[in-house]
N, C-alpha and C. Protein backbone atom coordinates (compact mmCIF):
# COMPACT_ATOMS: atom_id res chain seq x y z
N MET A 1 10.26 -30.53 -1.97
CA MET A 1 8.84 -30.39 -2.21
C MET A 1 8.51 -30.96 -3.58
N GLN A 2 7.37 -31.55 -3.67
CA GLN A 2 6.92 -32.15 -4.92
C GLN A 2 5.46 -31.75 -5.16
N ALA A 3 5.15 -31.45 -6.40
CA ALA A 3 3.77 -31.09 -6.74
C ALA A 3 2.86 -32.30 -6.55
N ARG A 4 1.63 -32.02 -6.15
CA ARG A 4 0.63 -33.08 -5.99
C ARG A 4 0.23 -33.66 -7.34
N ILE A 5 0.00 -32.77 -8.30
CA ILE A 5 -0.32 -33.12 -9.68
C ILE A 5 0.24 -32.02 -10.56
N LYS A 6 0.23 -32.22 -11.85
CA LYS A 6 0.59 -31.13 -12.75
C LYS A 6 -0.43 -30.01 -12.56
N SER A 7 -0.06 -28.83 -12.97
CA SER A 7 -0.99 -27.71 -12.90
C SER A 7 -2.26 -28.05 -13.66
N PRO A 8 -3.43 -27.77 -13.08
CA PRO A 8 -4.67 -28.00 -13.80
C PRO A 8 -4.71 -27.30 -15.16
N ALA A 9 -4.00 -26.18 -15.28
CA ALA A 9 -3.96 -25.48 -16.56
C ALA A 9 -3.15 -26.23 -17.60
N LEU A 10 -2.29 -27.13 -17.16
CA LEU A 10 -1.56 -27.99 -18.09
C LEU A 10 -2.35 -29.25 -18.41
N ILE A 11 -3.13 -29.70 -17.46
CA ILE A 11 -3.96 -30.89 -17.67
C ILE A 11 -5.10 -30.56 -18.64
N PHE A 12 -5.64 -29.34 -18.52
CA PHE A 12 -6.71 -28.89 -19.40
C PHE A 12 -6.21 -27.70 -20.23
N PRO A 13 -5.67 -27.96 -21.41
CA PRO A 13 -5.12 -26.87 -22.23
C PRO A 13 -6.11 -25.74 -22.51
N GLU A 14 -7.41 -26.06 -22.56
CA GLU A 14 -8.39 -24.99 -22.79
C GLU A 14 -8.44 -24.03 -21.60
N ALA A 15 -8.15 -24.53 -20.41
CA ALA A 15 -8.07 -23.65 -19.23
C ALA A 15 -6.87 -22.72 -19.36
N MET A 16 -5.76 -23.26 -19.82
CA MET A 16 -4.55 -22.44 -20.03
C MET A 16 -4.85 -21.33 -21.03
N LYS A 17 -5.52 -21.67 -22.12
CA LYS A 17 -5.86 -20.67 -23.14
C LYS A 17 -6.76 -19.58 -22.55
N ALA A 18 -7.71 -19.97 -21.74
CA ALA A 18 -8.62 -19.00 -21.12
C ALA A 18 -7.85 -18.08 -20.16
N MET A 19 -6.97 -18.66 -19.37
CA MET A 19 -6.18 -17.86 -18.44
C MET A 19 -5.25 -16.91 -19.18
N GLN A 20 -4.64 -17.40 -20.24
CA GLN A 20 -3.77 -16.55 -21.03
C GLN A 20 -4.54 -15.43 -21.72
N ALA A 21 -5.77 -15.71 -22.12
CA ALA A 21 -6.60 -14.68 -22.75
C ALA A 21 -6.96 -13.59 -21.74
N LEU A 22 -7.29 -13.99 -20.52
CA LEU A 22 -7.58 -12.99 -19.48
C LEU A 22 -6.35 -12.13 -19.21
N ALA A 23 -5.21 -12.78 -19.07
CA ALA A 23 -3.97 -12.03 -18.82
C ALA A 23 -3.66 -11.09 -19.98
N ALA A 24 -3.84 -11.55 -21.20
CA ALA A 24 -3.55 -10.72 -22.37
C ALA A 24 -4.48 -9.51 -22.43
N THR A 25 -5.70 -9.66 -21.97
CA THR A 25 -6.63 -8.54 -21.96
C THR A 25 -6.11 -7.43 -21.05
N ALA A 26 -5.70 -7.80 -19.85
CA ALA A 26 -5.17 -6.80 -18.93
C ALA A 26 -3.87 -6.20 -19.47
N GLU A 27 -3.01 -7.05 -20.01
CA GLU A 27 -1.72 -6.58 -20.52
C GLU A 27 -1.88 -5.68 -21.73
N GLY A 28 -2.93 -5.86 -22.50
CA GLY A 28 -3.16 -5.04 -23.69
C GLY A 28 -3.98 -3.80 -23.43
N SER A 29 -4.24 -3.50 -22.18
CA SER A 29 -5.13 -2.39 -21.82
C SER A 29 -4.46 -1.03 -21.78
N GLY A 30 -3.15 -1.01 -21.84
CA GLY A 30 -2.45 0.25 -21.70
C GLY A 30 -1.91 0.48 -20.30
N LEU A 31 -2.24 -0.41 -19.37
CA LEU A 31 -1.63 -0.32 -18.04
C LEU A 31 -0.13 -0.57 -18.17
N PRO A 32 0.68 0.14 -17.42
CA PRO A 32 2.11 -0.14 -17.47
C PRO A 32 2.40 -1.58 -17.03
N GLU A 33 3.29 -2.24 -17.75
CA GLU A 33 3.63 -3.63 -17.41
C GLU A 33 4.19 -3.73 -16.00
N ARG A 34 4.92 -2.72 -15.58
CA ARG A 34 5.48 -2.74 -14.22
C ARG A 34 4.38 -2.66 -13.17
N THR A 35 3.31 -1.97 -13.47
CA THR A 35 2.17 -1.91 -12.54
C THR A 35 1.53 -3.28 -12.43
N ILE A 36 1.33 -3.94 -13.56
CA ILE A 36 0.76 -5.29 -13.53
C ILE A 36 1.69 -6.23 -12.77
N ALA A 37 2.99 -6.07 -12.95
CA ALA A 37 3.95 -6.92 -12.23
C ALA A 37 3.83 -6.72 -10.72
N LEU A 38 3.62 -5.49 -10.27
CA LEU A 38 3.43 -5.24 -8.83
C LEU A 38 2.16 -5.91 -8.33
N VAL A 39 1.09 -5.84 -9.12
CA VAL A 39 -0.17 -6.52 -8.77
C VAL A 39 0.08 -8.01 -8.60
N HIS A 40 0.73 -8.61 -9.57
CA HIS A 40 0.98 -10.05 -9.54
C HIS A 40 1.85 -10.43 -8.34
N LEU A 41 2.87 -9.66 -8.08
CA LEU A 41 3.76 -9.97 -6.97
C LEU A 41 3.05 -9.83 -5.63
N ARG A 42 2.32 -8.74 -5.44
CA ARG A 42 1.67 -8.51 -4.14
C ARG A 42 0.60 -9.55 -3.86
N ALA A 43 -0.26 -9.83 -4.80
CA ALA A 43 -1.30 -10.84 -4.57
C ALA A 43 -0.67 -12.19 -4.28
N SER A 44 0.39 -12.52 -5.00
CA SER A 44 1.06 -13.81 -4.80
C SER A 44 1.71 -13.90 -3.43
N GLN A 45 2.24 -12.79 -2.93
CA GLN A 45 2.79 -12.77 -1.58
C GLN A 45 1.69 -13.05 -0.56
N ILE A 46 0.58 -12.36 -0.71
CA ILE A 46 -0.55 -12.53 0.21
C ILE A 46 -1.03 -13.97 0.22
N ASN A 47 -1.12 -14.57 -0.96
CA ASN A 47 -1.65 -15.93 -1.09
C ASN A 47 -0.62 -17.02 -0.83
N GLY A 48 0.62 -16.64 -0.62
CA GLY A 48 1.66 -17.62 -0.34
C GLY A 48 1.98 -18.51 -1.52
N CYS A 49 1.90 -17.96 -2.73
CA CYS A 49 2.18 -18.74 -3.94
C CYS A 49 3.65 -18.55 -4.33
N SER A 50 4.48 -19.49 -3.92
CA SER A 50 5.92 -19.36 -4.18
C SER A 50 6.23 -19.36 -5.67
N VAL A 51 5.47 -20.12 -6.45
CA VAL A 51 5.69 -20.15 -7.90
C VAL A 51 5.50 -18.75 -8.48
N CYS A 52 4.40 -18.11 -8.14
CA CYS A 52 4.11 -16.80 -8.71
C CYS A 52 4.99 -15.70 -8.13
N VAL A 53 5.35 -15.79 -6.85
CA VAL A 53 6.28 -14.81 -6.28
C VAL A 53 7.60 -14.89 -7.04
N ASP A 54 8.10 -16.09 -7.22
CA ASP A 54 9.36 -16.30 -7.94
C ASP A 54 9.24 -15.79 -9.38
N MET A 55 8.19 -16.20 -10.07
CA MET A 55 8.00 -15.83 -11.46
C MET A 55 7.87 -14.32 -11.65
N HIS A 56 7.02 -13.71 -10.86
CA HIS A 56 6.74 -12.29 -11.08
C HIS A 56 7.85 -11.38 -10.56
N TYR A 57 8.61 -11.85 -9.59
CA TYR A 57 9.81 -11.12 -9.19
C TYR A 57 10.79 -11.10 -10.37
N ARG A 58 11.02 -12.26 -10.97
CA ARG A 58 11.94 -12.34 -12.10
C ARG A 58 11.45 -11.51 -13.28
N MET A 59 10.16 -11.59 -13.55
CA MET A 59 9.61 -10.81 -14.67
C MET A 59 9.71 -9.32 -14.40
N ALA A 60 9.45 -8.91 -13.18
CA ALA A 60 9.55 -7.49 -12.82
C ALA A 60 10.99 -7.00 -12.98
N LYS A 61 11.95 -7.82 -12.60
CA LYS A 61 13.36 -7.45 -12.78
C LYS A 61 13.67 -7.25 -14.27
N LYS A 62 13.14 -8.13 -15.11
CA LYS A 62 13.36 -8.00 -16.55
C LYS A 62 12.73 -6.72 -17.10
N LEU A 63 11.68 -6.25 -16.43
CA LEU A 63 11.02 -5.01 -16.84
C LEU A 63 11.72 -3.77 -16.28
N GLY A 64 12.78 -3.98 -15.50
CA GLY A 64 13.54 -2.85 -14.97
C GLY A 64 13.22 -2.47 -13.53
N GLU A 65 12.43 -3.29 -12.86
CA GLU A 65 12.14 -2.99 -11.45
C GLU A 65 13.42 -3.06 -10.63
N THR A 66 13.48 -2.24 -9.58
CA THR A 66 14.66 -2.19 -8.73
C THR A 66 14.52 -3.15 -7.55
N ASP A 67 15.66 -3.52 -7.00
CA ASP A 67 15.66 -4.37 -5.81
C ASP A 67 14.94 -3.69 -4.65
N GLU A 68 15.11 -2.38 -4.52
CA GLU A 68 14.45 -1.65 -3.43
C GLU A 68 12.94 -1.78 -3.50
N ARG A 69 12.41 -1.59 -4.68
CA ARG A 69 10.95 -1.67 -4.83
C ARG A 69 10.45 -3.10 -4.65
N LEU A 70 11.14 -4.05 -5.25
CA LEU A 70 10.69 -5.44 -5.16
C LEU A 70 10.81 -5.99 -3.75
N SER A 71 11.84 -5.59 -3.04
CA SER A 71 12.02 -6.12 -1.69
C SER A 71 11.08 -5.47 -0.68
N THR A 72 10.46 -4.36 -1.05
CA THR A 72 9.57 -3.68 -0.10
C THR A 72 8.10 -3.67 -0.55
N VAL A 73 7.77 -4.38 -1.61
CA VAL A 73 6.38 -4.35 -2.08
C VAL A 73 5.43 -4.87 -1.01
N ALA A 74 5.85 -5.81 -0.17
CA ALA A 74 4.98 -6.31 0.90
C ALA A 74 4.77 -5.26 1.99
N ALA A 75 5.65 -4.28 2.05
CA ALA A 75 5.55 -3.20 3.04
C ALA A 75 5.40 -1.85 2.34
N TRP A 76 4.66 -1.83 1.25
CA TRP A 76 4.56 -0.65 0.40
C TRP A 76 4.06 0.59 1.13
N ARG A 77 3.24 0.42 2.15
CA ARG A 77 2.70 1.58 2.86
C ARG A 77 3.80 2.40 3.53
N ASP A 78 4.85 1.73 3.95
CA ASP A 78 5.93 2.39 4.69
C ASP A 78 7.18 2.61 3.85
N ALA A 79 7.17 2.21 2.60
CA ALA A 79 8.34 2.35 1.74
C ALA A 79 8.18 3.58 0.85
N PRO A 80 9.23 4.34 0.65
CA PRO A 80 9.14 5.57 -0.13
C PRO A 80 9.24 5.38 -1.64
N TYR A 81 9.25 4.15 -2.11
CA TYR A 81 9.59 3.88 -3.50
C TYR A 81 8.42 3.83 -4.47
N PHE A 82 7.20 4.02 -3.99
CA PHE A 82 6.03 3.83 -4.84
C PHE A 82 5.28 5.14 -5.06
N THR A 83 4.77 5.30 -6.27
CA THR A 83 3.98 6.49 -6.60
C THR A 83 2.59 6.38 -5.96
N ASP A 84 1.87 7.49 -5.96
CA ASP A 84 0.50 7.46 -5.43
C ASP A 84 -0.37 6.50 -6.24
N ALA A 85 -0.19 6.47 -7.55
CA ALA A 85 -0.97 5.56 -8.39
C ALA A 85 -0.64 4.11 -8.05
N GLU A 86 0.63 3.81 -7.85
CA GLU A 86 1.02 2.43 -7.49
C GLU A 86 0.48 2.05 -6.11
N ARG A 87 0.48 2.99 -5.20
CA ARG A 87 -0.07 2.71 -3.86
C ARG A 87 -1.58 2.40 -3.96
N ALA A 88 -2.27 3.14 -4.82
CA ALA A 88 -3.69 2.88 -5.02
C ALA A 88 -3.90 1.48 -5.60
N VAL A 89 -3.06 1.08 -6.54
CA VAL A 89 -3.15 -0.24 -7.16
C VAL A 89 -2.85 -1.33 -6.12
N LEU A 90 -1.84 -1.12 -5.32
CA LEU A 90 -1.48 -2.12 -4.30
C LEU A 90 -2.58 -2.26 -3.25
N ALA A 91 -3.20 -1.14 -2.87
CA ALA A 91 -4.32 -1.21 -1.92
C ALA A 91 -5.50 -1.96 -2.53
N LEU A 92 -5.80 -1.67 -3.79
CA LEU A 92 -6.88 -2.38 -4.48
C LEU A 92 -6.55 -3.87 -4.59
N THR A 93 -5.33 -4.17 -4.93
CA THR A 93 -4.90 -5.58 -5.04
C THR A 93 -5.12 -6.31 -3.72
N GLU A 94 -4.71 -5.70 -2.63
CA GLU A 94 -4.88 -6.33 -1.32
C GLU A 94 -6.35 -6.53 -0.99
N SER A 95 -7.17 -5.54 -1.26
CA SER A 95 -8.60 -5.64 -0.95
C SER A 95 -9.28 -6.74 -1.76
N VAL A 96 -9.02 -6.77 -3.06
CA VAL A 96 -9.66 -7.77 -3.91
C VAL A 96 -9.13 -9.17 -3.60
N THR A 97 -7.89 -9.26 -3.19
CA THR A 97 -7.30 -10.56 -2.85
C THR A 97 -7.83 -11.08 -1.52
N ARG A 98 -8.10 -10.19 -0.59
CA ARG A 98 -8.54 -10.59 0.76
C ARG A 98 -10.04 -10.35 0.95
N LEU A 99 -10.85 -10.83 0.07
CA LEU A 99 -12.28 -10.55 0.08
C LEU A 99 -12.97 -10.95 1.38
N SER A 100 -12.57 -12.02 1.99
CA SER A 100 -13.29 -12.49 3.19
C SER A 100 -12.77 -11.90 4.49
N ASP A 101 -11.78 -11.03 4.44
CA ASP A 101 -11.19 -10.50 5.66
C ASP A 101 -12.02 -9.42 6.35
N THR A 102 -12.88 -8.74 5.61
CA THR A 102 -13.69 -7.66 6.21
C THR A 102 -15.10 -7.69 5.63
N ALA A 103 -16.00 -7.02 6.33
CA ALA A 103 -17.39 -6.97 5.88
C ALA A 103 -17.53 -6.15 4.59
N ASP A 104 -16.67 -5.16 4.41
CA ASP A 104 -16.66 -4.34 3.20
C ASP A 104 -15.31 -4.55 2.51
N PRO A 105 -15.17 -5.63 1.76
CA PRO A 105 -13.85 -6.02 1.26
C PRO A 105 -13.16 -5.03 0.33
N VAL A 106 -13.93 -4.31 -0.46
CA VAL A 106 -13.34 -3.30 -1.34
C VAL A 106 -14.06 -1.99 -1.02
N PRO A 107 -13.60 -1.31 0.03
CA PRO A 107 -14.28 -0.08 0.46
C PRO A 107 -14.19 1.04 -0.58
N ASP A 108 -15.15 1.93 -0.52
CA ASP A 108 -15.21 3.04 -1.48
C ASP A 108 -13.93 3.86 -1.49
N ASP A 109 -13.31 4.08 -0.33
CA ASP A 109 -12.11 4.92 -0.32
C ASP A 109 -10.98 4.28 -1.12
N ILE A 110 -10.85 2.97 -1.05
CA ILE A 110 -9.81 2.29 -1.83
C ILE A 110 -10.16 2.33 -3.31
N TRP A 111 -11.41 2.04 -3.62
CA TRP A 111 -11.83 2.08 -5.03
C TRP A 111 -11.68 3.50 -5.60
N ASN A 112 -12.14 4.48 -4.86
CA ASN A 112 -12.10 5.86 -5.34
C ASN A 112 -10.67 6.37 -5.52
N GLU A 113 -9.76 5.92 -4.67
CA GLU A 113 -8.36 6.30 -4.84
C GLU A 113 -7.81 5.74 -6.16
N ALA A 114 -8.10 4.49 -6.44
CA ALA A 114 -7.67 3.90 -7.70
C ALA A 114 -8.34 4.62 -8.87
N ALA A 115 -9.63 4.92 -8.73
CA ALA A 115 -10.37 5.60 -9.80
C ALA A 115 -9.84 7.01 -10.04
N GLY A 116 -9.18 7.58 -9.06
CA GLY A 116 -8.56 8.89 -9.24
C GLY A 116 -7.32 8.85 -10.12
N HIS A 117 -6.78 7.67 -10.31
CA HIS A 117 -5.56 7.51 -11.12
C HIS A 117 -5.79 6.81 -12.45
N TYR A 118 -6.90 6.07 -12.54
CA TYR A 118 -7.14 5.24 -13.72
C TYR A 118 -8.56 5.42 -14.22
N ASP A 119 -8.74 5.42 -15.53
CA ASP A 119 -10.07 5.52 -16.11
C ASP A 119 -10.77 4.15 -16.01
N GLU A 120 -12.02 4.12 -16.47
CA GLU A 120 -12.82 2.90 -16.34
C GLU A 120 -12.17 1.69 -17.02
N LYS A 121 -11.60 1.89 -18.19
CA LYS A 121 -10.97 0.79 -18.92
C LYS A 121 -9.77 0.24 -18.14
N LYS A 122 -8.97 1.12 -17.62
CA LYS A 122 -7.79 0.67 -16.88
C LYS A 122 -8.19 0.06 -15.53
N LEU A 123 -9.23 0.59 -14.90
CA LEU A 123 -9.74 -0.04 -13.66
C LEU A 123 -10.25 -1.45 -13.94
N ALA A 124 -10.96 -1.60 -15.05
CA ALA A 124 -11.44 -2.93 -15.43
C ALA A 124 -10.26 -3.87 -15.66
N ALA A 125 -9.22 -3.38 -16.30
CA ALA A 125 -8.03 -4.19 -16.55
C ALA A 125 -7.34 -4.55 -15.23
N LEU A 126 -7.30 -3.62 -14.30
CA LEU A 126 -6.72 -3.92 -12.98
C LEU A 126 -7.49 -5.02 -12.28
N VAL A 127 -8.80 -4.93 -12.30
CA VAL A 127 -9.62 -5.97 -11.66
C VAL A 127 -9.39 -7.32 -12.33
N LEU A 128 -9.31 -7.33 -13.66
CA LEU A 128 -9.00 -8.57 -14.37
C LEU A 128 -7.62 -9.11 -13.99
N ALA A 129 -6.63 -8.23 -13.92
CA ALA A 129 -5.28 -8.66 -13.55
C ALA A 129 -5.24 -9.24 -12.15
N ILE A 130 -5.94 -8.60 -11.22
CA ILE A 130 -5.99 -9.08 -9.84
C ILE A 130 -6.71 -10.43 -9.77
N ALA A 131 -7.84 -10.52 -10.44
CA ALA A 131 -8.59 -11.77 -10.43
C ALA A 131 -7.79 -12.91 -11.06
N THR A 132 -7.12 -12.62 -12.16
CA THR A 132 -6.36 -13.65 -12.87
C THR A 132 -5.22 -14.19 -12.01
N ILE A 133 -4.46 -13.30 -11.38
CA ILE A 133 -3.35 -13.78 -10.56
C ILE A 133 -3.87 -14.56 -9.36
N ASN A 134 -5.02 -14.17 -8.84
CA ASN A 134 -5.60 -14.93 -7.72
C ASN A 134 -5.99 -16.34 -8.15
N VAL A 135 -6.48 -16.50 -9.37
CA VAL A 135 -6.79 -17.84 -9.88
C VAL A 135 -5.49 -18.65 -9.99
N TRP A 136 -4.47 -18.06 -10.60
CA TRP A 136 -3.19 -18.77 -10.71
C TRP A 136 -2.66 -19.17 -9.34
N ASN A 137 -2.74 -18.25 -8.38
CA ASN A 137 -2.27 -18.56 -7.03
C ASN A 137 -3.00 -19.75 -6.45
N ARG A 138 -4.30 -19.79 -6.62
CA ARG A 138 -5.09 -20.88 -6.06
C ARG A 138 -4.79 -22.21 -6.74
N LEU A 139 -4.60 -22.19 -8.04
CA LEU A 139 -4.23 -23.41 -8.75
C LEU A 139 -2.88 -23.93 -8.26
N ASN A 140 -1.92 -23.04 -8.14
CA ASN A 140 -0.56 -23.44 -7.75
C ASN A 140 -0.46 -23.87 -6.30
N VAL A 141 -1.11 -23.13 -5.41
CA VAL A 141 -1.05 -23.48 -3.99
C VAL A 141 -1.78 -24.78 -3.72
N ALA A 142 -2.96 -24.96 -4.31
CA ALA A 142 -3.75 -26.18 -4.07
C ALA A 142 -3.01 -27.43 -4.53
N THR A 143 -2.26 -27.32 -5.62
CA THR A 143 -1.58 -28.49 -6.17
C THR A 143 -0.10 -28.53 -5.79
N ARG A 144 0.32 -27.59 -4.95
CA ARG A 144 1.70 -27.50 -4.45
C ARG A 144 2.74 -27.48 -5.57
N GLN A 145 2.50 -26.59 -6.53
CA GLN A 145 3.48 -26.43 -7.59
C GLN A 145 4.78 -25.90 -6.98
N VAL A 146 5.90 -26.27 -7.56
CA VAL A 146 7.22 -25.98 -6.99
C VAL A 146 7.82 -24.74 -7.65
N ALA A 147 8.23 -23.80 -6.82
CA ALA A 147 8.87 -22.59 -7.32
C ALA A 147 10.12 -22.96 -8.10
N GLY A 148 10.35 -22.26 -9.19
CA GLY A 148 11.54 -22.48 -9.98
C GLY A 148 11.37 -23.50 -11.09
N GLU A 149 10.40 -24.38 -10.97
CA GLU A 149 10.19 -25.39 -12.01
C GLU A 149 9.72 -24.75 -13.31
N TRP A 150 8.90 -23.73 -13.21
CA TRP A 150 8.34 -23.09 -14.39
C TRP A 150 9.43 -22.50 -15.28
N ILE A 151 10.53 -22.05 -14.67
CA ILE A 151 11.57 -21.36 -15.45
C ILE A 151 12.28 -22.31 -16.41
N LYS A 152 12.15 -23.60 -16.18
CA LYS A 152 12.81 -24.60 -17.03
C LYS A 152 12.07 -24.83 -18.34
N SER A 153 10.87 -24.30 -18.45
CA SER A 153 10.08 -24.54 -19.66
C SER A 153 10.49 -23.59 -20.78
N PRO A 154 10.38 -24.02 -22.02
CA PRO A 154 10.68 -23.13 -23.15
C PRO A 154 9.78 -21.90 -23.16
N ALA A 155 8.54 -22.05 -22.74
CA ALA A 155 7.61 -20.91 -22.73
C ALA A 155 8.10 -19.84 -21.76
N ALA A 156 8.63 -20.25 -20.62
CA ALA A 156 9.14 -19.29 -19.64
C ALA A 156 10.36 -18.56 -20.19
N GLU A 157 11.25 -19.30 -20.81
CA GLU A 157 12.43 -18.66 -21.41
C GLU A 157 12.03 -17.63 -22.45
N ASP A 158 11.07 -17.97 -23.30
CA ASP A 158 10.59 -17.03 -24.32
C ASP A 158 9.97 -15.80 -23.67
N ARG A 159 9.15 -16.01 -22.65
CA ARG A 159 8.48 -14.89 -21.97
C ARG A 159 9.50 -13.93 -21.37
N LEU A 160 10.50 -14.47 -20.68
CA LEU A 160 11.51 -13.61 -20.07
C LEU A 160 12.34 -12.88 -21.11
N LYS A 161 12.65 -13.54 -22.22
CA LYS A 161 13.39 -12.88 -23.29
C LYS A 161 12.55 -11.76 -23.90
N ASN A 162 11.25 -12.01 -24.10
CA ASN A 162 10.37 -10.97 -24.65
C ASN A 162 10.27 -9.77 -23.72
N LEU A 163 10.22 -10.03 -22.42
CA LEU A 163 10.17 -8.91 -21.46
C LEU A 163 11.45 -8.09 -21.52
N ALA A 164 12.57 -8.77 -21.63
CA ALA A 164 13.85 -8.07 -21.71
C ALA A 164 13.91 -7.24 -22.98
N ALA A 165 13.35 -7.74 -24.07
CA ALA A 165 13.36 -7.01 -25.35
C ALA A 165 12.48 -5.78 -25.29
N VAL A 166 11.38 -5.84 -24.53
CA VAL A 166 10.47 -4.70 -24.39
C VAL A 166 11.19 -3.54 -23.72
N ARG A 167 12.00 -3.87 -22.78
CA ARG A 167 12.71 -2.88 -22.00
C ARG A 167 13.74 -2.23 -22.88
C-alpha cells in the first residue's frame, strides 16, 4: 500500500499545530490518558483508520493497557474488562463517530450516562478528543496513509518514550 499524498497535516504545518492544540486541550483536561487512548482506538476502529489503530494501540500499551482490554475494545459491551465510566465513554465515542447512522445520533441516555461519570469540563474534553480523532481518521483514510510509517518519525519515537516515562 502506498499513500496517495503526504498527510494534509504535514503539507499544511498550521493544520498540524491546530490539531495538536486540540489534542493537547483534551489531554490537559484531567481525563485519564488511558481513557483518551480508548476513545482514540475505538473511533479509529470504527472508521477503519489503520494508522490510528496501530498508533493508539501502541500508545495505550505504553500507558499500561492490557492485551485483554485492547483486544476487546471493539466488543466492549460484552467484555468484562471495562469500568462503567469507560463503557459510558466508549458508547459516547461510538455515537459521536457514527453521526449519520441514526436519527438521534447522540441520544440522551448515552449522554446522560457519560454525564453521570464526568463533569462538564471533562465531557467537553471527551467531545474534543472524539472530534479530533475523527478528523485524524478522515485525513488518514482519505489519503491512504500507511500503518506503521508514522512510527519511523523522530516525533513518534519521542511521543512513545514520553508515554513510557509517564507510566
